């Protein structure tokens, strides 16, 4: 399996539902925005947010154990190869990552008194 010359391995620990839809075999793209150890990448027609494992989770998030400052840079190629997301020289193992739990929606009727008090 080709890994586009990946030289370091990290592991995805949580994948949001929107990000999971982007991770189709053979999908390719590019890192579009990077800041610190966080970045947005286009994968096929979708966007995903790559972030360190202890970051807040959202539907586009892939939380990665071992993601470090400098791992992501705009213009780096991105490719899904089997159970791996290859980003430049970083290979992110996707197998074993859990799905993010959906956010629990509360009816507005339960929250309006607190919002009014704030």
PDB file of N, CA and C in Angstrom:
ATOM      1  N   UNK A   1       0.837  -1.167   0.000  1.00  0.00           N
ATOM      2  CA  UNK A   1       0.000   0.000   0.000  1.00  0.00           C
ATOM      3  C   UNK A   1       0.888   1.237   0.000  1.00  0.00           C
ATOM      4  N   UNK A   2       0.610   2.176  -0.863  1.00  0.00           N
ATOM      5  CA  UNK A   2       1.379   3.408  -0.936  1.00  0.00           C
ATOM      6  C   UNK A   2       1.028   4.322   0.222  1.00  0.00           C
ATOM      7  N   UNK A   3       2.023   4.938   0.835  1.00  0.00           N
ATOM      8  CA  UNK A   3       1.773   5.887   1.909  1.00  0.00           C
ATOM      9  C   UNK A   3       2.316   7.253   1.559  1.00  0.00           C
ATOM     10  N   UNK A   4       2.553   7.520   0.280  1.00  0.00           N
ATOM     11  CA  UNK A   4       3.036   8.817  -0.176  1.00  0.00           C
ATOM     12  C   UNK A   4       4.285   9.260   0.551  1.00  0.00           C
ATOM     13  N   UNK A   5       5.144   8.342   0.907  1.00  0.00           N
ATOM     14  CA  UNK A   5       6.399   8.696   1.557  1.00  0.00           C
ATOM     15  C   UNK A   5       6.251   9.067   3.022  1.00  0.00           C
ATOM     16  N   UNK A   6       5.193   8.622   3.688  1.00  0.00           N
ATOM     17  CA  UNK A   6       4.985   8.958   5.085  1.00  0.00           C
ATOM     18  C   UNK A   6       6.148   8.451   5.930  1.00  0.00           C
ATOM     19  N   UNK A   7       6.607   9.297   6.849  1.00  0.00           N
ATOM     20  CA  UNK A   7       7.759   8.916   7.655  1.00  0.00           C
ATOM     21  C   UNK A   7       7.447   8.806   9.139  1.00  0.00           C
ATOM     22  N   UNK A   8       6.290   9.265   9.578  1.00  0.00           N
ATOM     23  CA  UNK A   8       5.924   9.200  10.988  1.00  0.00           C
ATOM     24  C   UNK A   8       4.494   8.707  11.101  1.00  0.00           C
ATOM     25  N   UNK A   9       4.206   7.998  12.194  1.00  0.00           N
ATOM     26  CA  UNK A   9       2.876   7.424  12.390  1.00  0.00           C
ATOM     27  C   UNK A   9       2.234   8.039  13.623  1.00  0.00           C
ATOM     28  N   UNK A  10       0.964   8.395  13.500  1.00  0.00           N
ATOM     29  CA  UNK A  10       0.145   8.846  14.622  1.00  0.00           C
ATOM     30  C   UNK A  10      -1.140   8.019  14.572  1.00  0.00           C
ATOM     31  N   UNK A  11      -2.023   8.209  15.559  1.00  0.00           N
ATOM     32  CA  UNK A  11      -3.225   7.385  15.622  1.00  0.00           C
ATOM     33  C   UNK A  11      -4.447   8.246  15.888  1.00  0.00           C
ATOM     34  N   UNK A  12      -5.477   8.096  15.056  1.00  0.00           N
ATOM     35  CA  UNK A  12      -6.747   8.770  15.299  1.00  0.00           C
ATOM     36  C   UNK A  12      -7.437   8.087  16.469  1.00  0.00           C
ATOM     37  N   UNK A  13      -7.966   8.878  17.403  1.00  0.00           N
ATOM     38  CA  UNK A  13      -8.655   8.300  18.555  1.00  0.00           C
ATOM     39  C   UNK A  13     -10.163   8.538  18.498  1.00  0.00           C
ATOM     40  N   UNK A  14     -10.587   9.643  17.895  1.00  0.00           N
ATOM     41  CA  UNK A  14     -12.008   9.951  17.745  1.00  0.00           C
ATOM     42  C   UNK A  14     -12.222  10.567  16.368  1.00  0.00           C
ATOM     43  N   UNK A  15     -13.288  10.133  15.700  1.00  0.00           N
ATOM     44  CA  UNK A  15     -13.618  10.682  14.376  1.00  0.00           C
ATOM     45  C   UNK A  15     -15.076  11.113  14.383  1.00  0.00           C
ATOM     46  N   UNK A  16     -15.315  12.393  14.075  1.00  0.00           N
ATOM     47  CA  UNK A  16     -16.673  12.916  13.981  1.00  0.00           C
ATOM     48  C   UNK A  16     -17.399  12.330  12.781  1.00  0.00           C
ATOM     49  N   UNK A  17     -18.730  12.393  12.821  1.00  0.00           N
ATOM     50  CA  UNK A  17     -19.545  11.782  11.765  1.00  0.00           C
ATOM     51  C   UNK A  17     -19.276  12.405  10.397  1.00  0.00           C
ATOM     52  N   UNK A  18     -19.127  13.701  10.319  1.00  0.00           N
ATOM     53  CA  UNK A  18     -18.847  14.355   9.038  1.00  0.00           C
ATOM     54  C   UNK A  18     -17.476  13.981   8.506  1.00  0.00           C
ATOM     55  N   UNK A  19     -16.503  13.888   9.393  1.00  0.00           N
ATOM     56  CA  UNK A  19     -15.158  13.493   8.984  1.00  0.00           C
ATOM     57  C   UNK A  19     -15.157  12.048   8.498  1.00  0.00           C
ATOM     58  N   UNK A  20     -15.917  11.190   9.157  1.00  0.00           N
ATOM     59  CA  UNK A  20     -15.974   9.775   8.762  1.00  0.00           C
ATOM     60  C   UNK A  20     -16.474   9.650   7.318  1.00  0.00           C
ATOM     61  N   UNK A  21     -17.436  10.479   6.927  1.00  0.00           N
ATOM     62  CA  UNK A  21     -17.951  10.434   5.553  1.00  0.00           C
ATOM     63  C   UNK A  21     -16.880  10.816   4.542  1.00  0.00           C
ATOM     64  N   UNK A  22     -15.929  11.639   4.941  1.00  0.00           N
ATOM     65  CA  UNK A  22     -14.871  12.083   4.028  1.00  0.00           C
ATOM     66  C   UNK A  22     -13.816  11.008   3.790  1.00  0.00           C
ATOM     67  N   UNK A  23     -13.705  10.045   4.698  1.00  0.00           N
ATOM     68  CA  UNK A  23     -12.600   9.090   4.670  1.00  0.00           C
ATOM     69  C   UNK A  23     -12.894   7.892   3.779  1.00  0.00           C
ATOM     70  N   UNK A  24     -13.128   8.135   2.528  1.00  0.00           N
ATOM     71  CA  UNK A  24     -13.394   7.072   1.545  1.00  0.00           C
ATOM     72  C   UNK A  24     -12.084   6.655   0.881  1.00  0.00           C
ATOM     73  N   UNK A  25     -11.929   5.375   0.700  1.00  0.00           N
ATOM     74  CA  UNK A  25     -10.727   4.818   0.069  1.00  0.00           C
ATOM     75  C   UNK A  25     -10.390   5.581  -1.217  1.00  0.00           C
ATOM     76  N   UNK A  26      -9.159   6.007  -1.313  1.00  0.00           N
ATOM     77  CA  UNK A  26      -8.675   6.673  -2.517  1.00  0.00           C
ATOM     78  C   UNK A  26      -8.951   8.168  -2.579  1.00  0.00           C
ATOM     79  N   UNK A  27      -9.729   8.697  -1.636  1.00  0.00           N
ATOM     80  CA  UNK A  27     -10.003  10.137  -1.648  1.00  0.00           C
ATOM     81  C   UNK A  27      -8.696  10.900  -1.469  1.00  0.00           C
ATOM     82  N   UNK A  28      -8.559  11.976  -2.210  1.00  0.00           N
ATOM     83  CA  UNK A  28      -7.344  12.793  -2.143  1.00  0.00           C
ATOM     84  C   UNK A  28      -7.719  14.245  -1.931  1.00  0.00           C
ATOM     85  N   UNK A  29      -6.757  15.011  -1.446  1.00  0.00           N
ATOM     86  CA  UNK A  29      -6.986  16.423  -1.224  1.00  0.00           C
ATOM     87  C   UNK A  29      -5.718  17.115  -0.795  1.00  0.00           C
ATOM     88  N   UNK A  30      -5.895  18.165   0.004  1.00  0.00           N
ATOM     89  CA  UNK A  30      -4.773  19.004   0.391  1.00  0.00           C
ATOM     90  C   UNK A  30      -5.080  19.682   1.731  1.00  0.00           C
ATOM     91  N   UNK A  31      -4.033  19.942   2.513  1.00  0.00           N
ATOM     92  CA  UNK A  31      -4.190  20.752   3.723  1.00  0.00           C
ATOM     93  C   UNK A  31      -4.400  22.186   3.251  1.00  0.00           C
ATOM     94  N   UNK A  32      -5.491  22.789   3.688  1.00  0.00           N
ATOM     95  CA  UNK A  32      -5.819  24.147   3.254  1.00  0.00           C
ATOM     96  C   UNK A  32      -5.418  25.204   4.267  1.00  0.00           C
ATOM     97  N   UNK A  33      -5.439  24.873   5.554  1.00  0.00           N
ATOM     98  CA  UNK A  33      -5.165  25.838   6.603  1.00  0.00           C
ATOM     99  C   UNK A  33      -4.522  25.102   7.768  1.00  0.00           C
ATOM    100  N   UNK A  34      -3.462  25.656   8.317  1.00  0.00           N
ATOM    101  CA  UNK A  34      -2.802  25.031   9.467  1.00  0.00           C
ATOM    102  C   UNK A  34      -2.370  26.113  10.441  1.00  0.00           C
ATOM    103  N   UNK A  35      -2.564  25.843  11.725  1.00  0.00           N
ATOM    104  CA  UNK A  35      -2.134  26.760  12.776  1.00  0.00           C
ATOM    105  C   UNK A  35      -1.821  25.929  14.010  1.00  0.00           C
ATOM    106  N   UNK A  36      -0.599  26.065  14.521  1.00  0.00           N
ATOM    107  CA  UNK A  36      -0.169  25.222  15.630  1.00  0.00           C
ATOM    108  C   UNK A  36      -0.180  23.770  15.207  1.00  0.00           C
ATOM    109  N   UNK A  37      -0.846  22.944  16.016  1.00  0.00           N
ATOM    110  CA  UNK A  37      -0.949  21.515  15.702  1.00  0.00           C
ATOM    111  C   UNK A  37      -2.318  21.179  15.127  1.00  0.00           C
ATOM    112  N   UNK A  38      -3.031  22.179  14.611  1.00  0.00           N
ATOM    113  CA  UNK A  38      -4.393  22.007  14.115  1.00  0.00           C
ATOM    114  C   UNK A  38      -4.441  22.426  12.656  1.00  0.00           C
ATOM    115  N   UNK A  39      -5.281  21.759  11.869  1.00  0.00           N
ATOM    116  CA  UNK A  39      -5.419  22.175  10.482  1.00  0.00           C
ATOM    117  C   UNK A  39      -6.672  21.642   9.831  1.00  0.00           C
ATOM    118  N   UNK A  40      -7.118  22.365   8.825  1.00  0.00           N
ATOM    119  CA  UNK A  40      -8.237  21.925   7.994  1.00  0.00           C
ATOM    120  C   UNK A  40      -7.695  21.353   6.700  1.00  0.00           C
ATOM    121  N   UNK A  41      -8.257  20.228   6.300  1.00  0.00           N
ATOM    122  CA  UNK A  41      -7.861  19.599   5.044  1.00  0.00           C
ATOM    123  C   UNK A  41      -9.101  19.314   4.214  1.00  0.00           C
ATOM    124  N   UNK A  42      -8.953  19.455   2.917  1.00  0.00           N
ATOM    125  CA  UNK A  42      -9.980  19.022   1.981  1.00  0.00           C
ATOM    126  C   UNK A  42      -9.652  17.582   1.628  1.00  0.00           C
ATOM    127  N   UNK A  43     -10.639  16.717   1.773  1.00  0.00           N
ATOM    128  CA  UNK A  43     -10.494  15.303   1.421  1.00  0.00           C
ATOM    129  C   UNK A  43     -11.632  14.997   0.459  1.00  0.00           C
ATOM    130  N   UNK A  44     -11.303  14.855  -0.815  1.00  0.00           N
ATOM    131  CA  UNK A  44     -12.355  14.742  -1.817  1.00  0.00           C
ATOM    132  C   UNK A  44     -13.123  16.047  -1.839  1.00  0.00           C
ATOM    133  N   UNK A  45     -14.437  15.970  -1.704  1.00  0.00           N
ATOM    134  CA  UNK A  45     -15.259  17.184  -1.694  1.00  0.00           C
ATOM    135  C   UNK A  45     -15.598  17.645  -0.283  1.00  0.00           C
ATOM    136  N   UNK A  46     -15.048  16.977   0.723  1.00  0.00           N
ATOM    137  CA  UNK A  46     -15.345  17.271   2.126  1.00  0.00           C
ATOM    138  C   UNK A  46     -14.179  18.009   2.787  1.00  0.00           C
ATOM    139  N   UNK A  47     -14.454  18.589   3.941  1.00  0.00           N
ATOM    140  CA  UNK A  47     -13.429  19.206   4.769  1.00  0.00           C
ATOM    141  C   UNK A  47     -13.393  18.465   6.101  1.00  0.00           C
ATOM    142  N   UNK A  48     -12.192  18.318   6.658  1.00  0.00           N
ATOM    143  CA  UNK A  48     -12.024  17.730   7.982  1.00  0.00           C
ATOM    144  C   UNK A  48     -11.095  18.629   8.790  1.00  0.00           C
ATOM    145  N   UNK A  49     -11.250  18.557  10.094  1.00  0.00           N
ATOM    146  CA  UNK A  49     -10.381  19.270  11.018  1.00  0.00           C
ATOM    147  C   UNK A  49      -9.502  18.241  11.710  1.00  0.00           C
ATOM    148  N   UNK A  50      -8.205  18.362  11.549  1.00  0.00           N
ATOM    149  CA  UNK A  50      -7.251  17.497  12.244  1.00  0.00           C
ATOM    150  C   UNK A  50      -6.774  18.251  13.478  1.00  0.00           C
ATOM    151  N   UNK A  51      -6.876  17.605  14.650  1.00  0.00           N
ATOM    152  CA  UNK A  51      -6.539  18.274  15.900  1.00  0.00           C
ATOM    153  C   UNK A  51      -5.961  17.264  16.891  1.00  0.00           C
ATOM    154  N   UNK A  52      -5.178  17.745  17.870  1.00  0.00           N
ATOM    155  CA  UNK A  52      -4.637  16.850  18.891  1.00  0.00           C
ATOM    156  C   UNK A  52      -5.748  16.147  19.673  1.00  0.00           C
ATOM    157  N   UNK A  53      -5.420  15.019  20.258  1.00  0.00           N
ATOM    158  CA  UNK A  53      -6.389  14.130  20.890  1.00  0.00           C
ATOM    159  C   UNK A  53      -7.223  14.775  21.987  1.00  0.00           C
ATOM    160  N   UNK A  54      -6.724  15.750  22.688  1.00  0.00           N
ATOM    161  CA  UNK A  54      -7.473  16.352  23.804  1.00  0.00           C
ATOM    162  C   UNK A  54      -8.281  17.578  23.395  1.00  0.00           C
ATOM    163  N   UNK A  55      -8.422  17.812  22.113  1.00  0.00           N
ATOM    164  CA  UNK A  55      -9.173  18.965  21.615  1.00  0.00           C
ATOM    165  C   UNK A  55     -10.670  18.714  21.722  1.00  0.00           C
ATOM    166  N   UNK A  56     -11.462  19.794  21.724  1.00  0.00           N
ATOM    167  CA  UNK A  56     -12.921  19.612  21.649  1.00  0.00           C
ATOM    168  C   UNK A  56     -13.288  18.925  20.339  1.00  0.00           C
ATOM    169  N   UNK A  57     -14.334  18.133  20.385  1.00  0.00           N
ATOM    170  CA  UNK A  57     -14.742  17.361  19.203  1.00  0.00           C
ATOM    171  C   UNK A  57     -15.932  18.029  18.525  1.00  0.00           C
ATOM    172  N   UNK A  58     -15.927  17.983  17.219  1.00  0.00           N
ATOM    173  CA  UNK A  58     -17.044  18.450  16.409  1.00  0.00           C
ATOM    174  C   UNK A  58     -17.282  17.454  15.297  1.00  0.00           C
ATOM    175  N   UNK A  59     -18.311  17.655  14.491  1.00  0.00           N
ATOM    176  CA  UNK A  59     -18.634  16.671  13.450  1.00  0.00           C
ATOM    177  C   UNK A  59     -17.572  16.526  12.373  1.00  0.00           C
ATOM    178  N   UNK A  60     -16.744  17.544  12.149  1.00  0.00           N
ATOM    179  CA  UNK A  60     -15.702  17.459  11.118  1.00  0.00           C
ATOM    180  C   UNK A  60     -14.345  17.058  11.691  1.00  0.00           C
ATOM    181  N   UNK A  61     -14.283  16.806  12.992  1.00  0.00           N
ATOM    182  CA  UNK A  61     -13.004  16.576  13.674  1.00  0.00           C
ATOM    183  C   UNK A  61     -12.481  15.156  13.545  1.00  0.00           C
ATOM    184  N   UNK A  62     -11.160  15.079  13.419  1.00  0.00           N
ATOM    185  CA  UNK A  62     -10.422  13.840  13.601  1.00  0.00           C
ATOM    186  C   UNK A  62      -9.405  14.163  14.683  1.00  0.00           C
ATOM    187  N   UNK A  63      -9.584  13.602  15.878  1.00  0.00           N
ATOM    188  CA  UNK A  63      -8.656  13.852  16.977  1.00  0.00           C
ATOM    189  C   UNK A  63      -7.545  12.818  16.902  1.00  0.00           C
ATOM    190  N   UNK A  64      -6.303  13.311  16.892  1.00  0.00           N
ATOM    191  CA  UNK A  64      -5.147  12.475  16.588  1.00  0.00           C
ATOM    192  C   UNK A  64      -4.159  12.481  17.751  1.00  0.00           C
ATOM    193  N   UNK A  65      -3.883  11.300  18.286  1.00  0.00           N
ATOM    194  CA  UNK A  65      -2.863  11.144  19.315  1.00  0.00           C
ATOM    195  C   UNK A  65      -1.491  11.253  18.656  1.00  0.00           C
ATOM    196  N   UNK A  66      -0.677  12.165  19.146  1.00  0.00           N
ATOM    197  CA  UNK A  66       0.667  12.332  18.596  1.00  0.00           C
ATOM    198  C   UNK A  66       0.773  13.436  17.558  1.00  0.00           C
ATOM    199  N   UNK A  67      -0.319  14.140  17.268  1.00  0.00           N
ATOM    200  CA  UNK A  67      -0.262  15.246  16.313  1.00  0.00           C
ATOM    201  C   UNK A  67       0.484  16.404  16.962  1.00  0.00           C
ATOM    202  N   UNK A  68       1.490  16.929  16.264  1.00  0.00           N
ATOM    203  CA  UNK A  68       2.337  17.967  16.839  1.00  0.00           C
ATOM    204  C   UNK A  68       2.393  19.205  15.951  1.00  0.00           C
ATOM    205  N   UNK A  69       2.793  20.299  16.557  1.00  0.00           N
ATOM    206  CA  UNK A  69       3.031  21.539  15.819  1.00  0.00           C
ATOM    207  C   UNK A  69       4.022  21.229  14.694  1.00  0.00           C
ATOM    208  N   UNK A  70       3.709  21.679  13.505  1.00  0.00           N
ATOM    209  CA  UNK A  70       4.585  21.453  12.360  1.00  0.00           C
ATOM    210  C   UNK A  70       4.237  20.235  11.530  1.00  0.00           C
ATOM    211  N   UNK A  71       3.336  19.370  12.035  1.00  0.00           N
ATOM    212  CA  UNK A  71       2.933  18.195  11.252  1.00  0.00           C
ATOM    213  C   UNK A  71       2.093  18.585  10.040  1.00  0.00           C
ATOM    214  N   UNK A  72       1.376  19.685  10.142  1.00  0.00           N
ATOM    215  CA  UNK A  72       0.462  20.119   9.078  1.00  0.00           C
ATOM    216  C   UNK A  72       0.930  21.441   8.496  1.00  0.00           C
ATOM    217  N   UNK A  73       0.889  21.533   7.173  1.00  0.00           N
ATOM    218  CA  UNK A  73       1.255  22.780   6.494  1.00  0.00           C
ATOM    219  C   UNK A  73       0.382  22.927   5.254  1.00  0.00           C
ATOM    220  N   UNK A  74      -0.080  24.144   4.990  1.00  0.00           N
ATOM    221  CA  UNK A  74      -0.889  24.349   3.782  1.00  0.00           C
ATOM    222  C   UNK A  74      -0.178  23.824   2.543  1.00  0.00           C
ATOM    223  N   UNK A  75      -0.951  23.156   1.696  1.00  0.00           N
ATOM    224  CA  UNK A  75      -0.411  22.616   0.458  1.00  0.00           C
ATOM    225  C   UNK A  75       0.026  21.170   0.528  1.00  0.00           C
ATOM    226  N   UNK A  76       0.130  20.604   1.737  1.00  0.00           N
ATOM    227  CA  UNK A  76       0.520  19.191   1.845  1.00  0.00           C
ATOM    228  C   UNK A  76      -0.553  18.309   1.222  1.00  0.00           C
ATOM    229  N   UNK A  77      -0.137  17.268   0.492  1.00  0.00           N
ATOM    230  CA  UNK A  77      -1.122  16.337  -0.070  1.00  0.00           C
ATOM    231  C   UNK A  77      -1.746  15.482   1.025  1.00  0.00           C
ATOM    232  N   UNK A  78      -3.002  15.120   0.815  1.00  0.00           N
ATOM    233  CA  UNK A  78      -3.761  14.283   1.739  1.00  0.00           C
ATOM    234  C   UNK A  78      -4.347  13.144   0.922  1.00  0.00           C
ATOM    235  N   UNK A  79      -4.301  11.927   1.486  1.00  0.00           N
ATOM    236  CA  UNK A  79      -4.847  10.769   0.765  1.00  0.00           C
ATOM    237  C   UNK A  79      -5.325   9.733   1.760  1.00  0.00           C
ATOM    238  N   UNK A  80      -6.468   9.129   1.455  1.00  0.00           N
ATOM    239  CA  UNK A  80      -6.973   8.006   2.251  1.00  0.00           C
ATOM    240  C   UNK A  80      -6.489   6.741   1.572  1.00  0.00           C
ATOM    241  N   UNK A  81      -5.742   5.923   2.323  1.00  0.00           N
ATOM    242  CA  UNK A  81      -5.197   4.672   1.797  1.00  0.00           C
ATOM    243  C   UNK A  81      -5.528   3.569   2.794  1.00  0.00           C
ATOM    244  N   UNK A  82      -6.573   2.823   2.515  1.00  0.00           N
ATOM    245  CA  UNK A  82      -6.998   1.770   3.437  1.00  0.00           C
ATOM    246  C   UNK A  82      -7.451   2.374   4.750  1.00  0.00           C
ATOM    247  N   UNK A  83      -6.885   1.934   5.843  1.00  0.00           N
ATOM    248  CA  UNK A  83      -7.215   2.439   7.174  1.00  0.00           C
ATOM    249  C   UNK A  83      -6.225   3.512   7.613  1.00  0.00           C
ATOM    250  N   UNK A  84      -5.725   4.283   6.653  1.00  0.00           N
ATOM    251  CA  UNK A  84      -4.764   5.348   6.959  1.00  0.00           C
ATOM    252  C   UNK A  84      -5.151   6.624   6.243  1.00  0.00           C
ATOM    253  N   UNK A  85      -4.902   7.745   6.924  1.00  0.00           N
ATOM    254  CA  UNK A  85      -4.990   9.047   6.298  1.00  0.00           C
ATOM    255  C   UNK A  85      -3.563   9.565   6.232  1.00  0.00           C
ATOM    256  N   UNK A  86      -3.061   9.736   5.021  1.00  0.00           N
ATOM    257  CA  UNK A  86      -1.679  10.158   4.834  1.00  0.00           C
ATOM    258  C   UNK A  86      -1.681  11.654   4.550  1.00  0.00           C
ATOM    259  N   UNK A  87      -0.973  12.399   5.390  1.00  0.00           N
ATOM    260  CA  UNK A  87      -0.906  13.853   5.269  1.00  0.00           C
ATOM    261  C   UNK A  87       0.566  14.241   5.206  1.00  0.00           C
ATOM    262  N   UNK A  88       1.039  14.600   4.011  1.00  0.00           N
ATOM    263  CA  UNK A  88       2.468  14.899   3.877  1.00  0.00           C
ATOM    264  C   UNK A  88       3.288  13.724   4.351  1.00  0.00           C
ATOM    265  N   UNK A  89       4.165  13.949   5.328  1.00  0.00           N
ATOM    266  CA  UNK A  89       5.004  12.887   5.875  1.00  0.00           C
ATOM    267  C   UNK A  89       4.407  12.182   7.080  1.00  0.00           C
ATOM    268  N   UNK A  90       3.140  12.409   7.359  1.00  0.00           N
ATOM    269  CA  UNK A  90       2.479  11.820   8.527  1.00  0.00           C
ATOM    270  C   UNK A  90       1.440  10.795   8.079  1.00  0.00           C
ATOM    271  N   UNK A  91       1.499   9.623   8.670  1.00  0.00           N
ATOM    272  CA  UNK A  91       0.508   8.569   8.414  1.00  0.00           C
ATOM    273  C   UNK A  91      -0.342   8.442   9.671  1.00  0.00           C
ATOM    274  N   UNK A  92      -1.643   8.696   9.537  1.00  0.00           N
ATOM    275  CA  UNK A  92      -2.566   8.626  10.665  1.00  0.00           C
ATOM    276  C   UNK A  92      -3.366   7.330  10.551  1.00  0.00           C
ATOM    277  N   UNK A  93      -3.162   6.439  11.523  1.00  0.00           N
ATOM    278  CA  UNK A  93      -3.884   5.169  11.558  1.00  0.00           C
ATOM    279  C   UNK A  93      -5.321   5.436  11.992  1.00  0.00           C
ATOM    280  N   UNK A  94      -6.286   5.001  11.195  1.00  0.00           N
ATOM    281  CA  UNK A  94      -7.698   5.242  11.470  1.00  0.00           C
ATOM    282  C   UNK A  94      -8.372   4.076  12.180  1.00  0.00           C
ATOM    283  N   UNK A  95      -7.851   2.865  12.004  1.00  0.00           N
ATOM    284  CA  UNK A  95      -8.449   1.670  12.605  1.00  0.00           C
ATOM    285  C   UNK A  95      -8.491   1.817  14.121  1.00  0.00           C
ATOM    286  N   UNK A  96      -9.623   1.479  14.698  1.00  0.00           N
ATOM    287  CA  UNK A  96      -9.756   1.521  16.152  1.00  0.00           C
ATOM    288  C   UNK A  96     -10.235   2.849  16.706  1.00  0.00           C
ATOM    289  N   UNK A  97     -10.302   3.887  15.883  1.00  0.00           N
ATOM    290  CA  UNK A  97     -10.803   5.170  16.368  1.00  0.00           C
ATOM    291  C   UNK A  97     -12.295   5.045  16.640  1.00  0.00           C
ATOM    292  N   UNK A  98     -12.736   5.634  17.716  1.00  0.00           N
ATOM    293  CA  UNK A  98     -14.165   5.579  18.026  1.00  0.00           C
ATOM    294  C   UNK A  98     -14.884   6.748  17.371  1.00  0.00           C
ATOM    295  N   UNK A  99     -16.149   6.584  17.159  1.00  0.00           N
ATOM    296  CA  UNK A  99     -16.968   7.662  16.624  1.00  0.00           C
ATOM    297  C   UNK A  99     -17.312   8.646  17.723  1.00  0.00           C
ATOM    298  N   UNK A 100     -17.461   9.896  17.365  1.00  0.00           N
ATOM    299  CA  UNK A 100     -17.858  10.910  18.334  1.00  0.00           C
ATOM    300  C   UNK A 100     -19.314  10.700  18.694  1.00  0.00           C
ATOM    301  N   UNK A 101     -19.633  10.862  19.962  1.00  0.00           N
ATOM    302  CA  UNK A 101     -21.026  10.784  20.380  1.00  0.00           C
ATOM    303  C   UNK A 101     -21.760  12.019  19.878  1.00  0.00           C
ATOM    304  N   UNK A 102     -22.972  11.853  19.377  1.00  0.00           N
ATOM    305  CA  UNK A 102     -23.722  13.016  18.911  1.00  0.00           C
ATOM    306  C   UNK A 102     -23.995  13.969  20.070  1.00  0.00           C
ATOM    307  N   UNK A 103     -24.009  15.256  19.758  1.00  0.00           N
ATOM    308  CA  UNK A 103     -24.321  16.249  20.782  1.00  0.00           C
ATOM    309  C   UNK A 103     -25.765  16.065  21.219  1.00  0.00           C
ATOM    310  N   UNK A 104     -25.974  16.205  22.501  1.00  0.00           N
ATOM    311  CA  UNK A 104     -27.326  16.057  23.040  1.00  0.00           C
ATOM    312  C   UNK A 104     -28.044  17.398  22.932  1.00  0.00           C
ATOM    313  N   UNK A 105     -29.111  17.403  22.213  1.00  0.00           N
ATOM    314  CA  UNK A 105     -29.882  18.634  22.045  1.00  0.00           C
ATOM    315  C   UNK A 105     -30.902  18.751  23.172  1.00  0.00           C
ATOM    316  N   UNK A 106     -30.926  19.917  23.809  1.00  0.00           N
ATOM    317  CA  UNK A 106     -31.931  20.181  24.827  1.00  0.00           C
ATOM    318  C   UNK A 106     -32.986  21.078  24.220  1.00  0.00           C
ATOM    319  N   UNK A 107     -34.238  20.809  24.538  1.00  0.00           N
ATOM    320  CA  UNK A 107     -35.278  21.714  24.039  1.00  0.00           C
ATOM    321  C   UNK A 107     -35.058  23.118  24.589  1.00  0.00           C
ATOM    322  N   UNK A 108     -35.322  24.116  23.781  1.00  0.00           N
ATOM    323  CA  UNK A 108     -35.142  25.505  24.186  1.00  0.00           C
ATOM    324  C   UNK A 108     -35.948  25.816  25.444  1.00  0.00           C
ATOM    325  N   UNK A 109     -37.069  25.166  25.603  1.00  0.00           N
ATOM    326  CA  UNK A 109     -37.916  25.425  26.763  1.00  0.00           C
ATOM    327  C   UNK A 109     -37.174  25.152  28.064  1.00  0.00           C
ATOM    328  N   UNK A 110     -36.209  24.259  28.069  1.00  0.00           N
ATOM    329  CA  UNK A 110     -35.459  23.959  29.285  1.00  0.00           C
ATOM    330  C   UNK A 110     -34.319  24.941  29.532  1.00  0.00           C
ATOM    331  N   UNK A 111     -33.878  25.655  28.491  1.00  0.00           N
ATOM    332  CA  UNK A 111     -32.697  26.515  28.629  1.00  0.00           C
ATOM    333  C   UNK A 111     -33.019  27.997  28.724  1.00  0.00           C
ATOM    334  N   UNK A 112     -34.209  28.423  28.368  1.00  0.00           N
ATOM    335  CA  UNK A 112     -34.451  29.865  28.279  1.00  0.00           C
ATOM    336  C   UNK A 112     -34.325  30.580  29.613  1.00  0.00           C
ATOM    337  N   UNK A 113     -34.688  30.002  30.775  1.00  0.00           N
ATOM    338  CA  UNK A 113     -34.504  30.752  32.020  1.00  0.00           C
ATOM    339  C   UNK A 113     -33.024  31.070  32.294  1.00  0.00           C
ATOM    340  N   UNK A 114     -32.133  30.105  32.037  1.00  0.00           N
ATOM    341  CA  UNK A 114     -30.706  30.345  32.265  1.00  0.00           C
ATOM    342  C   UNK A 114     -30.171  31.381  31.295  1.00  0.00           C
ATOM    343  N   UNK A 115     -30.616  31.331  30.038  1.00  0.00           N
ATOM    344  CA  UNK A 115     -30.166  32.305  29.046  1.00  0.00           C
ATOM    345  C   UNK A 115     -30.643  33.693  29.430  1.00  0.00           C
ATOM    346  N   UNK A 116     -31.851  33.819  29.923  1.00  0.00           N
ATOM    347  CA  UNK A 116     -32.395  35.114  30.317  1.00  0.00           C
ATOM    348  C   UNK A 116     -31.638  35.674  31.527  1.00  0.00           C
ATOM    349  N   UNK A 117     -31.272  34.775  32.451  1.00  0.00           N
ATOM    350  CA  UNK A 117     -30.548  35.204  33.651  1.00  0.00           C
ATOM    351  C   UNK A 117     -29.136  35.662  33.326  1.00  0.00           C
ATOM    352  N   UNK A 118     -28.562  35.148  32.261  1.00  0.00           N
ATOM    353  CA  UNK A 118     -27.202  35.530  31.896  1.00  0.00           C
ATOM    354  C   UNK A 118     -27.227  36.921  31.335  1.00  0.00           C
TER     355      UNK A 118
END
